[in-house]
Amino acid sequence: MSKEALLIMDMQNGIVERFADDSEGLLDRVATAQGAAWAAERPVIYVRVAFREGAPEVNPKNKSFAALAGLGTMSENADSTQVHPRLAPLAGEPIVTKRRVSAFAGSDLEVVLRSLDVDSLVLCGLATSGVVLSTTRQAADLDFKITILSDACADADPEVHRVLMEKVFPRQATVITTAEWIKQLA
């Protein structure tokens, strides 16, 4: 029997605020998934992106991360890198800090998953073309069973979100809504 964990990815203050247009609806759906996981006694793991002071892990050749590091707002202790308060973890729930786009890159996520005997991941977060895509690809290569909550993810480009959900992700994952996943938990 597989053991499933919910990964809430990059739902941190500095990223959520960039999606202000739909952040309330998205936060509601992610919070609903979080509550369902708690009720079904599924592990919930929070993934955030942050750097050490001075961002020594960011190479200037990395276009996107060099720009972030240059702002100086993505340090491990900065408010922008903390899990959004609407999704506050319960005491003891793991918060994984990654250093790149994938939830696995530069983090101890795989160690945490192995220690919990997790072999099935349910993914949600921001952004679809970033952490969700990169984590899906790496999780598939690591032989995890993957479910993506289509309405608990968002992207700055709705067309990119649609194409990934309808054409790309189904090759490696089950793509369903939060409500459909909650029905499966019952």
N, C-alpha and C. Protein backbone atom coordinates (compact mmCIF):
# COMPACT_ATOMS: atom_id res chain seq x y z
N MET A 1 0.85 -1.18 0.00
CA MET A 1 0.00 0.00 0.00
C MET A 1 0.89 1.25 0.00
N SER A 2 0.56 2.19 -0.86
CA SER A 2 1.41 3.38 -0.95
C SER A 2 1.08 4.37 0.15
N LYS A 3 2.10 5.12 0.53
CA LYS A 3 1.93 6.17 1.53
C LYS A 3 2.09 7.51 0.81
N GLU A 4 1.10 8.33 0.96
CA GLU A 4 0.99 9.59 0.22
C GLU A 4 1.26 10.78 1.13
N ALA A 5 1.95 11.79 0.57
CA ALA A 5 2.18 13.05 1.28
C ALA A 5 1.77 14.21 0.39
N LEU A 6 1.24 15.25 1.01
CA LEU A 6 0.90 16.48 0.31
C LEU A 6 2.10 17.42 0.40
N LEU A 7 2.56 17.90 -0.75
CA LEU A 7 3.63 18.90 -0.80
C LEU A 7 3.01 20.25 -1.14
N ILE A 8 3.13 21.19 -0.24
CA ILE A 8 2.67 22.57 -0.45
C ILE A 8 3.93 23.37 -0.80
N MET A 9 4.04 23.75 -2.07
CA MET A 9 5.31 24.25 -2.59
C MET A 9 5.27 25.74 -2.93
N ASP A 10 6.24 26.45 -2.40
CA ASP A 10 6.46 27.88 -2.67
C ASP A 10 5.26 28.75 -2.34
N MET A 11 4.44 28.28 -1.42
CA MET A 11 3.32 29.09 -0.94
C MET A 11 3.85 29.94 0.22
N GLN A 12 4.79 30.79 -0.12
CA GLN A 12 5.46 31.66 0.84
C GLN A 12 5.09 33.10 0.53
N ASN A 13 5.22 33.93 1.54
CA ASN A 13 4.74 35.31 1.44
C ASN A 13 5.16 36.03 0.17
N GLY A 14 6.44 36.03 -0.15
CA GLY A 14 6.95 36.79 -1.28
C GLY A 14 6.48 36.29 -2.63
N ILE A 15 6.12 35.01 -2.71
CA ILE A 15 5.63 34.47 -3.99
C ILE A 15 4.13 34.61 -4.08
N VAL A 16 3.41 34.34 -3.00
CA VAL A 16 1.95 34.48 -3.01
C VAL A 16 1.55 35.91 -3.37
N GLU A 17 2.27 36.90 -2.84
CA GLU A 17 1.89 38.29 -3.11
C GLU A 17 2.05 38.66 -4.58
N ARG A 18 2.88 37.94 -5.32
CA ARG A 18 3.03 38.20 -6.76
C ARG A 18 1.83 37.70 -7.55
N PHE A 19 1.00 36.87 -6.94
CA PHE A 19 -0.18 36.31 -7.59
C PHE A 19 -1.44 36.89 -6.96
N ALA A 20 -1.41 38.15 -6.64
CA ALA A 20 -2.49 38.82 -5.90
C ALA A 20 -3.84 38.69 -6.58
N ASP A 21 -3.88 38.60 -7.91
CA ASP A 21 -5.16 38.51 -8.62
C ASP A 21 -6.03 37.36 -8.13
N ASP A 22 -5.42 36.20 -7.91
CA ASP A 22 -6.19 35.04 -7.49
C ASP A 22 -5.64 34.42 -6.21
N SER A 23 -4.86 35.18 -5.46
CA SER A 23 -4.22 34.56 -4.30
C SER A 23 -5.22 34.07 -3.27
N GLU A 24 -6.33 34.79 -3.07
CA GLU A 24 -7.32 34.34 -2.07
C GLU A 24 -7.96 33.02 -2.48
N GLY A 25 -8.39 32.91 -3.74
CA GLY A 25 -8.98 31.66 -4.20
C GLY A 25 -8.00 30.51 -4.16
N LEU A 26 -6.77 30.78 -4.58
CA LEU A 26 -5.74 29.75 -4.54
C LEU A 26 -5.43 29.34 -3.10
N LEU A 27 -5.27 30.32 -2.23
CA LEU A 27 -5.03 30.00 -0.81
C LEU A 27 -6.16 29.17 -0.23
N ASP A 28 -7.40 29.49 -0.59
CA ASP A 28 -8.55 28.70 -0.11
C ASP A 28 -8.43 27.24 -0.55
N ARG A 29 -8.10 27.03 -1.83
CA ARG A 29 -8.01 25.66 -2.36
C ARG A 29 -6.84 24.89 -1.72
N VAL A 30 -5.70 25.56 -1.57
CA VAL A 30 -4.56 24.89 -0.94
C VAL A 30 -4.88 24.60 0.53
N ALA A 31 -5.51 25.53 1.22
CA ALA A 31 -5.90 25.30 2.61
C ALA A 31 -6.90 24.16 2.73
N THR A 32 -7.79 24.03 1.77
CA THR A 32 -8.74 22.91 1.76
C THR A 32 -8.01 21.59 1.61
N ALA A 33 -7.03 21.54 0.71
CA ALA A 33 -6.22 20.33 0.53
C ALA A 33 -5.44 20.02 1.81
N GLN A 34 -4.87 21.05 2.42
CA GLN A 34 -4.12 20.90 3.65
C GLN A 34 -5.02 20.29 4.74
N GLY A 35 -6.20 20.86 4.91
CA GLY A 35 -7.14 20.35 5.92
C GLY A 35 -7.55 18.92 5.65
N ALA A 36 -7.76 18.58 4.39
CA ALA A 36 -8.13 17.21 4.02
C ALA A 36 -6.99 16.24 4.32
N ALA A 37 -5.76 16.67 4.05
CA ALA A 37 -4.60 15.81 4.35
C ALA A 37 -4.50 15.59 5.86
N TRP A 38 -4.68 16.65 6.63
CA TRP A 38 -4.64 16.50 8.09
C TRP A 38 -5.73 15.53 8.55
N ALA A 39 -6.95 15.71 8.03
CA ALA A 39 -8.06 14.85 8.45
C ALA A 39 -7.82 13.39 8.07
N ALA A 40 -7.16 13.17 6.95
CA ALA A 40 -6.88 11.81 6.48
C ALA A 40 -5.55 11.28 7.02
N GLU A 41 -4.93 12.05 7.91
CA GLU A 41 -3.65 11.69 8.52
C GLU A 41 -2.56 11.43 7.50
N ARG A 42 -2.55 12.27 6.45
CA ARG A 42 -1.47 12.25 5.46
C ARG A 42 -0.42 13.27 5.86
N PRO A 43 0.85 12.95 5.71
CA PRO A 43 1.88 13.95 6.00
C PRO A 43 1.74 15.17 5.08
N VAL A 44 1.97 16.34 5.64
CA VAL A 44 2.00 17.57 4.86
C VAL A 44 3.41 18.12 4.99
N ILE A 45 4.02 18.39 3.86
CA ILE A 45 5.40 18.90 3.82
C ILE A 45 5.37 20.23 3.08
N TYR A 46 6.00 21.23 3.66
CA TYR A 46 6.03 22.58 3.10
C TYR A 46 7.40 22.78 2.47
N VAL A 47 7.40 23.29 1.25
CA VAL A 47 8.63 23.55 0.53
C VAL A 47 8.71 25.04 0.24
N ARG A 48 9.84 25.63 0.55
CA ARG A 48 10.04 27.05 0.26
C ARG A 48 11.40 27.24 -0.38
N VAL A 49 11.57 28.34 -1.08
CA VAL A 49 12.86 28.68 -1.66
C VAL A 49 13.45 29.81 -0.83
N ALA A 50 14.72 29.65 -0.45
CA ALA A 50 15.42 30.67 0.34
C ALA A 50 16.91 30.43 0.21
N PHE A 51 17.66 31.48 0.49
CA PHE A 51 19.12 31.40 0.40
C PHE A 51 19.75 31.81 1.72
N ARG A 52 20.96 31.37 1.94
CA ARG A 52 21.73 31.83 3.10
C ARG A 52 22.01 33.32 2.93
N GLU A 53 22.38 33.99 4.02
CA GLU A 53 22.74 35.41 3.94
C GLU A 53 23.84 35.57 2.90
N GLY A 54 23.66 36.52 2.01
CA GLY A 54 24.62 36.75 0.94
C GLY A 54 24.44 35.84 -0.26
N ALA A 55 23.52 34.90 -0.19
CA ALA A 55 23.18 33.97 -1.28
C ALA A 55 24.40 33.31 -1.93
N PRO A 56 25.26 32.64 -1.13
CA PRO A 56 26.44 32.00 -1.71
C PRO A 56 26.11 30.86 -2.67
N GLU A 57 24.89 30.32 -2.60
CA GLU A 57 24.51 29.22 -3.48
C GLU A 57 24.02 29.68 -4.84
N VAL A 58 23.97 30.99 -5.07
CA VAL A 58 23.46 31.51 -6.35
C VAL A 58 24.63 31.93 -7.24
N ASN A 59 24.73 31.28 -8.37
CA ASN A 59 25.75 31.61 -9.37
C ASN A 59 25.24 32.77 -10.22
N PRO A 60 26.06 33.76 -10.50
CA PRO A 60 25.62 34.90 -11.31
C PRO A 60 25.15 34.49 -12.71
N LYS A 61 25.55 33.31 -13.19
CA LYS A 61 25.11 32.83 -14.51
C LYS A 61 23.67 32.34 -14.50
N ASN A 62 23.12 32.10 -13.31
CA ASN A 62 21.74 31.62 -13.20
C ASN A 62 20.82 32.84 -13.28
N LYS A 63 20.24 33.05 -14.43
CA LYS A 63 19.48 34.27 -14.74
C LYS A 63 18.40 34.58 -13.71
N SER A 64 17.54 33.64 -13.43
CA SER A 64 16.41 33.93 -12.54
C SER A 64 16.84 34.06 -11.08
N PHE A 65 17.69 33.16 -10.61
CA PHE A 65 18.08 33.23 -9.20
C PHE A 65 19.05 34.36 -8.91
N ALA A 66 19.89 34.71 -9.87
CA ALA A 66 20.80 35.86 -9.66
C ALA A 66 19.99 37.14 -9.48
N ALA A 67 18.90 37.28 -10.24
CA ALA A 67 18.04 38.46 -10.09
C ALA A 67 17.39 38.48 -8.70
N LEU A 68 16.92 37.33 -8.24
CA LEU A 68 16.32 37.24 -6.90
C LEU A 68 17.34 37.53 -5.81
N ALA A 69 18.52 36.94 -5.94
CA ALA A 69 19.56 37.14 -4.93
C ALA A 69 19.97 38.60 -4.86
N GLY A 70 19.97 39.25 -6.01
CA GLY A 70 20.34 40.66 -6.06
C GLY A 70 19.39 41.55 -5.30
N LEU A 71 18.15 41.13 -5.17
CA LEU A 71 17.16 41.91 -4.42
C LEU A 71 17.41 41.85 -2.92
N GLY A 72 18.05 40.77 -2.47
CA GLY A 72 18.34 40.61 -1.05
C GLY A 72 17.14 40.32 -0.18
N THR A 73 16.04 39.88 -0.78
CA THR A 73 14.81 39.64 -0.02
C THR A 73 14.50 38.16 0.18
N MET A 74 15.40 37.27 -0.24
CA MET A 74 15.11 35.85 -0.21
C MET A 74 15.98 35.08 0.78
N SER A 75 16.45 35.75 1.83
CA SER A 75 17.25 35.04 2.82
C SER A 75 16.35 34.13 3.66
N GLU A 76 16.95 33.15 4.29
CA GLU A 76 16.20 32.16 5.06
C GLU A 76 15.30 32.77 6.13
N ASN A 77 15.71 33.90 6.70
CA ASN A 77 14.94 34.51 7.78
C ASN A 77 14.01 35.63 7.31
N ALA A 78 14.04 35.96 6.05
CA ALA A 78 13.20 37.05 5.53
C ALA A 78 11.73 36.67 5.58
N ASP A 79 10.87 37.65 5.80
CA ASP A 79 9.43 37.41 5.81
C ASP A 79 8.96 36.83 4.48
N SER A 80 9.59 37.24 3.38
CA SER A 80 9.17 36.78 2.05
C SER A 80 9.37 35.29 1.84
N THR A 81 10.22 34.64 2.63
CA THR A 81 10.48 33.21 2.45
C THR A 81 9.73 32.34 3.44
N GLN A 82 8.90 32.93 4.28
CA GLN A 82 8.16 32.16 5.28
C GLN A 82 6.84 31.66 4.67
N VAL A 83 6.41 30.48 5.11
CA VAL A 83 5.14 29.91 4.67
C VAL A 83 4.03 30.91 4.96
N HIS A 84 3.15 31.12 3.98
CA HIS A 84 2.05 32.08 4.15
C HIS A 84 1.25 31.71 5.40
N PRO A 85 0.87 32.71 6.21
CA PRO A 85 0.17 32.42 7.47
C PRO A 85 -1.13 31.65 7.32
N ARG A 86 -1.81 31.77 6.19
CA ARG A 86 -3.05 31.00 5.97
C ARG A 86 -2.78 29.50 5.94
N LEU A 87 -1.52 29.14 5.68
CA LEU A 87 -1.16 27.73 5.53
C LEU A 87 -0.17 27.31 6.61
N ALA A 88 -0.24 27.94 7.75
CA ALA A 88 0.73 27.70 8.82
C ALA A 88 0.84 26.21 9.14
N PRO A 89 2.05 25.69 9.16
CA PRO A 89 2.25 24.28 9.50
C PRO A 89 1.89 23.98 10.95
N LEU A 90 1.47 22.77 11.19
CA LEU A 90 1.28 22.28 12.55
C LEU A 90 2.66 22.04 13.17
N ALA A 91 2.71 22.04 14.46
CA ALA A 91 3.98 21.75 15.15
C ALA A 91 4.52 20.41 14.67
N GLY A 92 5.78 20.40 14.30
CA GLY A 92 6.43 19.17 13.88
C GLY A 92 6.34 18.87 12.39
N GLU A 93 5.51 19.59 11.66
CA GLU A 93 5.45 19.34 10.22
C GLU A 93 6.71 19.90 9.56
N PRO A 94 7.29 19.12 8.64
CA PRO A 94 8.55 19.56 8.05
C PRO A 94 8.39 20.73 7.07
N ILE A 95 9.32 21.67 7.19
CA ILE A 95 9.47 22.76 6.22
C ILE A 95 10.82 22.53 5.55
N VAL A 96 10.79 22.29 4.26
CA VAL A 96 12.00 22.00 3.49
C VAL A 96 12.41 23.26 2.76
N THR A 97 13.68 23.62 2.87
CA THR A 97 14.20 24.78 2.15
C THR A 97 15.00 24.29 0.95
N LYS A 98 14.60 24.75 -0.21
CA LYS A 98 15.29 24.39 -1.46
C LYS A 98 16.10 25.58 -1.94
N ARG A 99 17.03 25.32 -2.82
CA ARG A 99 17.92 26.37 -3.33
C ARG A 99 17.76 26.60 -4.82
N ARG A 100 16.89 25.84 -5.45
CA ARG A 100 16.63 25.96 -6.88
C ARG A 100 15.13 25.80 -7.12
N VAL A 101 14.74 25.52 -8.36
CA VAL A 101 13.33 25.47 -8.71
C VAL A 101 12.65 24.20 -8.20
N SER A 102 13.22 23.05 -8.46
CA SER A 102 12.63 21.80 -8.02
C SER A 102 12.65 21.70 -6.50
N ALA A 103 11.61 21.10 -5.94
CA ALA A 103 11.56 20.90 -4.48
C ALA A 103 12.69 20.00 -3.99
N PHE A 104 13.27 19.22 -4.88
CA PHE A 104 14.36 18.32 -4.51
C PHE A 104 15.73 18.98 -4.59
N ALA A 105 15.85 20.06 -5.35
CA ALA A 105 17.17 20.63 -5.66
C ALA A 105 17.74 21.43 -4.49
N GLY A 106 18.84 20.93 -3.97
CA GLY A 106 19.50 21.61 -2.86
C GLY A 106 18.78 21.49 -1.54
N SER A 107 17.87 20.53 -1.43
CA SER A 107 17.09 20.35 -0.19
C SER A 107 17.25 18.93 0.33
N ASP A 108 16.68 18.69 1.50
CA ASP A 108 16.69 17.34 2.06
C ASP A 108 15.32 16.66 1.90
N LEU A 109 14.55 17.09 0.90
CA LEU A 109 13.20 16.54 0.69
C LEU A 109 13.22 15.03 0.52
N GLU A 110 14.11 14.52 -0.28
CA GLU A 110 14.13 13.08 -0.52
C GLU A 110 14.40 12.31 0.78
N VAL A 111 15.27 12.83 1.62
CA VAL A 111 15.56 12.20 2.92
C VAL A 111 14.31 12.20 3.79
N VAL A 112 13.61 13.33 3.83
CA VAL A 112 12.38 13.43 4.63
C VAL A 112 11.33 12.45 4.12
N LEU A 113 11.15 12.37 2.81
CA LEU A 113 10.17 11.44 2.23
C LEU A 113 10.52 9.99 2.56
N ARG A 114 11.79 9.64 2.41
CA ARG A 114 12.21 8.27 2.74
C ARG A 114 11.98 7.95 4.21
N SER A 115 12.26 8.92 5.08
CA SER A 115 12.08 8.66 6.52
C SER A 115 10.62 8.45 6.88
N LEU A 116 9.73 9.04 6.09
CA LEU A 116 8.29 8.87 6.31
C LEU A 116 7.70 7.71 5.50
N ASP A 117 8.54 7.00 4.76
CA ASP A 117 8.11 5.90 3.87
C ASP A 117 7.12 6.34 2.81
N VAL A 118 7.25 7.57 2.35
CA VAL A 118 6.35 8.12 1.34
C VAL A 118 6.81 7.67 -0.05
N ASP A 119 5.86 7.19 -0.85
CA ASP A 119 6.17 6.84 -2.23
C ASP A 119 5.20 7.47 -3.22
N SER A 120 4.31 8.29 -2.72
CA SER A 120 3.29 8.93 -3.55
C SER A 120 3.16 10.39 -3.13
N LEU A 121 3.26 11.30 -4.11
CA LEU A 121 3.23 12.73 -3.82
C LEU A 121 2.00 13.40 -4.42
N VAL A 122 1.42 14.30 -3.66
CA VAL A 122 0.34 15.16 -4.15
C VAL A 122 0.92 16.57 -4.14
N LEU A 123 0.95 17.19 -5.32
CA LEU A 123 1.63 18.47 -5.48
C LEU A 123 0.65 19.62 -5.66
N CYS A 124 0.98 20.74 -5.01
CA CYS A 124 0.26 21.98 -5.24
C CYS A 124 1.21 23.14 -4.98
N GLY A 125 0.91 24.31 -5.55
CA GLY A 125 1.74 25.47 -5.27
C GLY A 125 1.95 26.40 -6.44
N LEU A 126 2.91 27.28 -6.25
CA LEU A 126 3.23 28.33 -7.21
C LEU A 126 4.69 28.20 -7.64
N ALA A 127 4.95 28.22 -8.84
CA ALA A 127 4.11 28.38 -10.00
C ALA A 127 4.11 27.08 -10.80
N THR A 128 3.07 26.91 -11.59
CA THR A 128 2.91 25.69 -12.37
C THR A 128 4.12 25.45 -13.26
N SER A 129 4.61 26.51 -13.92
CA SER A 129 5.74 26.36 -14.84
C SER A 129 7.08 26.36 -14.12
N GLY A 130 7.08 26.53 -12.81
CA GLY A 130 8.30 26.54 -12.02
C GLY A 130 8.40 25.30 -11.15
N VAL A 131 8.08 25.45 -9.87
CA VAL A 131 8.26 24.37 -8.91
C VAL A 131 7.41 23.15 -9.24
N VAL A 132 6.20 23.34 -9.74
CA VAL A 132 5.34 22.18 -10.02
C VAL A 132 5.93 21.36 -11.17
N LEU A 133 6.31 22.03 -12.25
CA LEU A 133 6.91 21.33 -13.40
C LEU A 133 8.23 20.66 -13.01
N SER A 134 9.12 21.40 -12.39
CA SER A 134 10.44 20.84 -12.05
C SER A 134 10.34 19.70 -11.05
N THR A 135 9.48 19.83 -10.07
CA THR A 135 9.32 18.79 -9.06
C THR A 135 8.67 17.55 -9.67
N THR A 136 7.69 17.76 -10.55
CA THR A 136 7.05 16.62 -11.22
C THR A 136 8.08 15.82 -12.00
N ARG A 137 8.89 16.50 -12.77
CA ARG A 137 9.91 15.81 -13.58
C ARG A 137 10.88 15.03 -12.70
N GLN A 138 11.38 15.67 -11.66
CA GLN A 138 12.35 14.99 -10.80
C GLN A 138 11.69 13.87 -10.00
N ALA A 139 10.48 14.08 -9.51
CA ALA A 139 9.78 13.03 -8.77
C ALA A 139 9.52 11.81 -9.65
N ALA A 140 9.19 12.05 -10.90
CA ALA A 140 8.98 10.93 -11.83
C ALA A 140 10.28 10.16 -12.03
N ASP A 141 11.39 10.88 -12.18
CA ASP A 141 12.68 10.21 -12.33
C ASP A 141 13.08 9.43 -11.08
N LEU A 142 12.55 9.83 -9.93
CA LEU A 142 12.83 9.14 -8.67
C LEU A 142 11.78 8.06 -8.36
N ASP A 143 10.86 7.83 -9.31
CA ASP A 143 9.86 6.76 -9.23
C ASP A 143 8.78 6.98 -8.18
N PHE A 144 8.46 8.23 -7.89
CA PHE A 144 7.30 8.51 -7.05
C PHE A 144 6.04 8.47 -7.89
N LYS A 145 4.95 8.03 -7.30
CA LYS A 145 3.63 8.18 -7.90
C LYS A 145 3.24 9.63 -7.66
N ILE A 146 2.70 10.31 -8.68
CA ILE A 146 2.46 11.75 -8.58
C ILE A 146 1.01 12.08 -8.90
N THR A 147 0.42 12.93 -8.06
CA THR A 147 -0.88 13.53 -8.31
C THR A 147 -0.69 15.03 -8.24
N ILE A 148 -1.27 15.74 -9.19
CA ILE A 148 -1.19 17.20 -9.20
C ILE A 148 -2.60 17.76 -9.04
N LEU A 149 -2.76 18.66 -8.07
CA LEU A 149 -4.06 19.30 -7.85
C LEU A 149 -4.14 20.52 -8.77
N SER A 150 -4.83 20.37 -9.87
CA SER A 150 -4.83 21.37 -10.94
C SER A 150 -5.34 22.73 -10.50
N ASP A 151 -6.29 22.76 -9.58
CA ASP A 151 -6.85 24.04 -9.14
C ASP A 151 -6.16 24.59 -7.89
N ALA A 152 -5.14 23.88 -7.41
CA ALA A 152 -4.36 24.36 -6.26
C ALA A 152 -2.94 24.71 -6.71
N CYS A 153 -2.82 24.99 -8.00
CA CYS A 153 -1.59 25.48 -8.61
C CYS A 153 -1.98 26.68 -9.45
N ALA A 154 -1.02 27.55 -9.72
CA ALA A 154 -1.29 28.70 -10.58
C ALA A 154 0.00 29.12 -11.25
N ASP A 155 -0.16 29.86 -12.33
CA ASP A 155 0.99 30.37 -13.07
C ASP A 155 0.67 31.79 -13.53
N ALA A 156 1.69 32.58 -13.71
CA ALA A 156 1.49 33.95 -14.19
C ALA A 156 0.86 33.95 -15.58
N ASP A 157 1.06 32.88 -16.33
CA ASP A 157 0.49 32.75 -17.68
C ASP A 157 -0.55 31.63 -17.66
N PRO A 158 -1.84 31.99 -17.69
CA PRO A 158 -2.89 30.96 -17.63
C PRO A 158 -2.81 29.93 -18.76
N GLU A 159 -2.32 30.33 -19.93
CA GLU A 159 -2.21 29.40 -21.05
C GLU A 159 -1.12 28.36 -20.77
N VAL A 160 -0.03 28.78 -20.18
CA VAL A 160 1.03 27.84 -19.82
C VAL A 160 0.49 26.85 -18.78
N HIS A 161 -0.24 27.36 -17.80
CA HIS A 161 -0.86 26.49 -16.78
C HIS A 161 -1.76 25.45 -17.46
N ARG A 162 -2.60 25.90 -18.37
CA ARG A 162 -3.53 24.99 -19.06
C ARG A 162 -2.78 23.92 -19.85
N VAL A 163 -1.79 24.32 -20.62
CA VAL A 163 -1.05 23.37 -21.45
C VAL A 163 -0.33 22.33 -20.57
N LEU A 164 0.29 22.79 -19.51
CA LEU A 164 0.96 21.85 -18.62
C LEU A 164 -0.03 20.86 -18.00
N MET A 165 -1.16 21.38 -17.51
CA MET A 165 -2.15 20.51 -16.86
C MET A 165 -2.81 19.54 -17.83
N GLU A 166 -3.08 19.99 -19.04
CA GLU A 166 -3.83 19.16 -19.99
C GLU A 166 -2.96 18.30 -20.89
N LYS A 167 -1.74 18.74 -21.19
CA LYS A 167 -0.95 18.04 -22.20
C LYS A 167 0.38 17.47 -21.69
N VAL A 168 1.01 18.14 -20.74
CA VAL A 168 2.34 17.71 -20.31
C VAL A 168 2.27 16.81 -19.07
N PHE A 169 1.66 17.28 -18.01
CA PHE A 169 1.65 16.53 -16.75
C PHE A 169 0.99 15.16 -16.84
N PRO A 170 -0.10 14.98 -17.60
CA PRO A 170 -0.73 13.65 -17.62
C PRO A 170 0.18 12.52 -18.09
N ARG A 171 1.30 12.84 -18.71
CA ARG A 171 2.25 11.80 -19.12
C ARG A 171 2.96 11.19 -17.91
N GLN A 172 3.06 11.95 -16.82
CA GLN A 172 3.80 11.47 -15.66
C GLN A 172 3.00 11.50 -14.35
N ALA A 173 1.82 12.07 -14.39
CA ALA A 173 1.07 12.26 -13.14
C ALA A 173 -0.43 12.15 -13.40
N THR A 174 -1.15 11.94 -12.32
CA THR A 174 -2.60 12.05 -12.35
C THR A 174 -2.94 13.51 -12.05
N VAL A 175 -3.70 14.13 -12.92
CA VAL A 175 -4.06 15.53 -12.74
C VAL A 175 -5.55 15.59 -12.41
N ILE A 176 -5.85 16.07 -11.18
CA ILE A 176 -7.24 16.14 -10.71
C ILE A 176 -7.43 17.43 -9.92
N THR A 177 -8.67 17.74 -9.64
CA THR A 177 -8.97 18.91 -8.81
C THR A 177 -8.83 18.54 -7.34
N THR A 178 -8.80 19.56 -6.52
CA THR A 178 -8.74 19.34 -5.07
C THR A 178 -9.95 18.54 -4.60
N ALA A 179 -11.13 18.88 -5.09
CA ALA A 179 -12.35 18.17 -4.69
C ALA A 179 -12.28 16.69 -5.09
N GLU A 180 -11.77 16.42 -6.28
CA GLU A 180 -11.65 15.02 -6.72
C GLU A 180 -10.68 14.25 -5.82
N TRP A 181 -9.58 14.90 -5.44
CA TRP A 181 -8.61 14.23 -4.56
C TRP A 181 -9.23 13.96 -3.20
N ILE A 182 -9.97 14.92 -2.67
CA ILE A 182 -10.59 14.74 -1.36
C ILE A 182 -11.59 13.58 -1.40
N LYS A 183 -12.33 13.42 -2.49
CA LYS A 183 -13.24 12.26 -2.62
C LYS A 183 -12.48 10.95 -2.55
N GLN A 184 -11.28 10.93 -3.14
CA GLN A 184 -10.46 9.71 -3.11
C GLN A 184 -9.96 9.39 -1.72
N LEU A 185 -9.81 10.41 -0.88
CA LEU A 185 -9.33 10.19 0.48
C LEU A 185 -10.37 9.51 1.36
N ALA A 186 -11.65 9.72 1.00
CA ALA A 186 -12.75 9.21 1.84
C ALA A 186 -12.84 7.69 1.79
